[in-house]
Amino acid sequence: MQRDDFVSGEDVPEPDGGMMPLSVFMQKEPETRAFNAYRVAFRANEAHPNLRNAAALVKAWNAFADIMGLAHV
């Protein structure tokens, strides 16, 4: 079984209200595909911030969140 550690470069909220770096451990293809889609959307929105890229980023995050059991935005 493959196990990779990816760090997105952004912070996410902690349950106690603080912020922590996003570090995700993925073991199978669905997680990797969803994270890669999120990472592409994140970088596109970072390079060219506009409504279309922001919407794609939210959509990609929510798809990743569904697989990983994280909160939606």
C-alpha atoms as a PDB file:
ATOM      1  CA  MET A   1       0.000   0.000   0.000  1.00  0.00           C
ATOM      2  CA  GLN A   2       1.347   3.408  -0.971  1.00  0.00           C
ATOM      3  CA  ARG A   3       1.300   6.113   1.677  1.00  0.00           C
ATOM      4  CA  ASP A   4       2.260   9.681   0.846  1.00  0.00           C
ATOM      5  CA  ASP A   5       2.384  12.848   2.926  1.00  0.00           C
ATOM      6  CA  PHE A   6       1.378  16.014   1.107  1.00  0.00           C
ATOM      7  CA  VAL A   7       1.481  19.526   2.521  1.00  0.00           C
ATOM      8  CA  SER A   8      -0.580  22.119   0.674  1.00  0.00           C
ATOM      9  CA  GLY A   9       1.141  25.240   1.953  1.00  0.00           C
ATOM     10  CA  GLU A  10      -1.959  26.684   3.539  1.00  0.00           C
ATOM     11  CA  ASP A  11      -3.359  26.648   7.056  1.00  0.00           C
ATOM     12  CA  VAL A  12      -6.696  25.167   8.058  1.00  0.00           C
ATOM     13  CA  PRO A  13      -8.734  25.825  11.204  1.00  0.00           C
ATOM     14  CA  GLU A  14      -8.160  23.625  14.229  1.00  0.00           C
ATOM     15  CA  PRO A  15     -11.154  22.533  16.323  1.00  0.00           C
ATOM     16  CA  ASP A  16     -10.073  24.864  19.164  1.00  0.00           C
ATOM     17  CA  GLY A  17     -10.103  27.915  16.872  1.00  0.00           C
ATOM     18  CA  GLY A  18      -6.389  28.124  16.024  1.00  0.00           C
ATOM     19  CA  MET A  19      -4.780  27.430  12.668  1.00  0.00           C
ATOM     20  CA  MET A  20      -2.574  24.492  11.657  1.00  0.00           C
ATOM     21  CA  PRO A  21      -0.747  23.557   8.438  1.00  0.00           C
ATOM     22  CA  LEU A  22      -2.655  21.146   6.242  1.00  0.00           C
ATOM     23  CA  SER A  23      -0.819  17.834   6.176  1.00  0.00           C
ATOM     24  CA  VAL A  24      -2.714  14.910   4.761  1.00  0.00           C
ATOM     25  CA  PHE A  25      -1.867  11.237   4.702  1.00  0.00           C
ATOM     26  CA  MET A  26      -3.361   9.438   1.740  1.00  0.00           C
ATOM     27  CA  GLN A  27      -3.346   5.727   1.095  1.00  0.00           C
ATOM     28  CA  LYS A  28      -5.378   5.166  -2.065  1.00  0.00           C
ATOM     29  CA  GLU A  29      -6.122   6.705  -5.435  1.00  0.00           C
ATOM     30  CA  PRO A  30      -9.358   8.590  -4.619  1.00  0.00           C
ATOM     31  CA  GLU A  31      -7.625  10.613  -1.916  1.00  0.00           C
ATOM     32  CA  THR A  32      -4.639  11.368  -4.135  1.00  0.00           C
ATOM     33  CA  ARG A  33      -6.804  12.387  -7.105  1.00  0.00           C
ATOM     34  CA  ALA A  34      -8.992  14.641  -4.974  1.00  0.00           C
ATOM     35  CA  PHE A  35      -5.999  16.274  -3.296  1.00  0.00           C
ATOM     36  CA  ASN A  36      -4.248  16.860  -6.620  1.00  0.00           C
ATOM     37  CA  ALA A  37      -7.411  18.499  -8.005  1.00  0.00           C
ATOM     38  CA  TYR A  38      -7.534  20.719  -4.907  1.00  0.00           C
ATOM     39  CA  ARG A  39      -3.853  21.603  -5.246  1.00  0.00           C
ATOM     40  CA  VAL A  40      -4.277  22.563  -8.930  1.00  0.00           C
ATOM     41  CA  ALA A  41      -7.307  24.718  -8.081  1.00  0.00           C
ATOM     42  CA  PHE A  42      -5.454  26.321  -5.159  1.00  0.00           C
ATOM     43  CA  ARG A  43      -2.496  27.262  -7.351  1.00  0.00           C
ATOM     44  CA  ALA A  44      -4.732  28.552 -10.170  1.00  0.00           C
ATOM     45  CA  ASN A  45      -6.627  30.756  -7.723  1.00  0.00           C
ATOM     46  CA  GLU A  46      -3.375  31.935  -6.159  1.00  0.00           C
ATOM     47  CA  ALA A  47      -1.912  32.880  -9.560  1.00  0.00           C
ATOM     48  CA  HIS A  48      -5.120  34.383 -10.991  1.00  0.00           C
ATOM     49  CA  PRO A  49      -7.587  35.248  -8.221  1.00  0.00           C
ATOM     50  CA  ASN A  50     -11.015  35.599  -9.787  1.00  0.00           C
ATOM     51  CA  LEU A  51     -14.524  34.340  -9.139  1.00  0.00           C
ATOM     52  CA  ARG A  52     -14.228  31.397 -11.530  1.00  0.00           C
ATOM     53  CA  ASN A  53     -11.009  30.123  -9.935  1.00  0.00           C
ATOM     54  CA  ALA A  54     -12.384  30.708  -6.437  1.00  0.00           C
ATOM     55  CA  ALA A  55     -15.487  28.661  -7.267  1.00  0.00           C
ATOM     56  CA  ALA A  56     -13.305  25.864  -8.668  1.00  0.00           C
ATOM     57  CA  LEU A  57     -11.207  25.950  -5.490  1.00  0.00           C
ATOM     58  CA  VAL A  58     -14.276  25.626  -3.261  1.00  0.00           C
ATOM     59  CA  LYS A  59     -15.631  22.792  -5.401  1.00  0.00           C
ATOM     60  CA  ALA A  60     -12.293  20.949  -5.304  1.00  0.00           C
ATOM     61  CA  TRP A  61     -11.964  21.416  -1.535  1.00  0.00           C
ATOM     62  CA  ASN A  62     -15.485  20.142  -0.897  1.00  0.00           C
ATOM     63  CA  ALA A  63     -14.853  17.043  -3.041  1.00  0.00           C
ATOM     64  CA  PHE A  64     -11.642  16.396  -1.096  1.00  0.00           C
ATOM     65  CA  ALA A  65     -13.427  17.054   2.202  1.00  0.00           C
ATOM     66  CA  ASP A  66     -16.094  14.474   1.341  1.00  0.00           C
ATOM     67  CA  ILE A  67     -13.462  11.779   0.832  1.00  0.00           C
ATOM     68  CA  MET A  68     -11.360  12.715   3.861  1.00  0.00           C
ATOM     69  CA  GLY A  69     -14.208  13.518   6.267  1.00  0.00           C
ATOM     70  CA  LEU A  70     -13.244  17.199   6.630  1.00  0.00           C
ATOM     71  CA  ALA A  71     -15.457  20.273   6.903  1.00  0.00           C
ATOM     72  CA  HIS A  72     -16.851  21.918   3.777  1.00  0.00           C
ATOM     73  CA  VAL A  73     -16.361  25.602   2.950  1.00  0.00           C
END
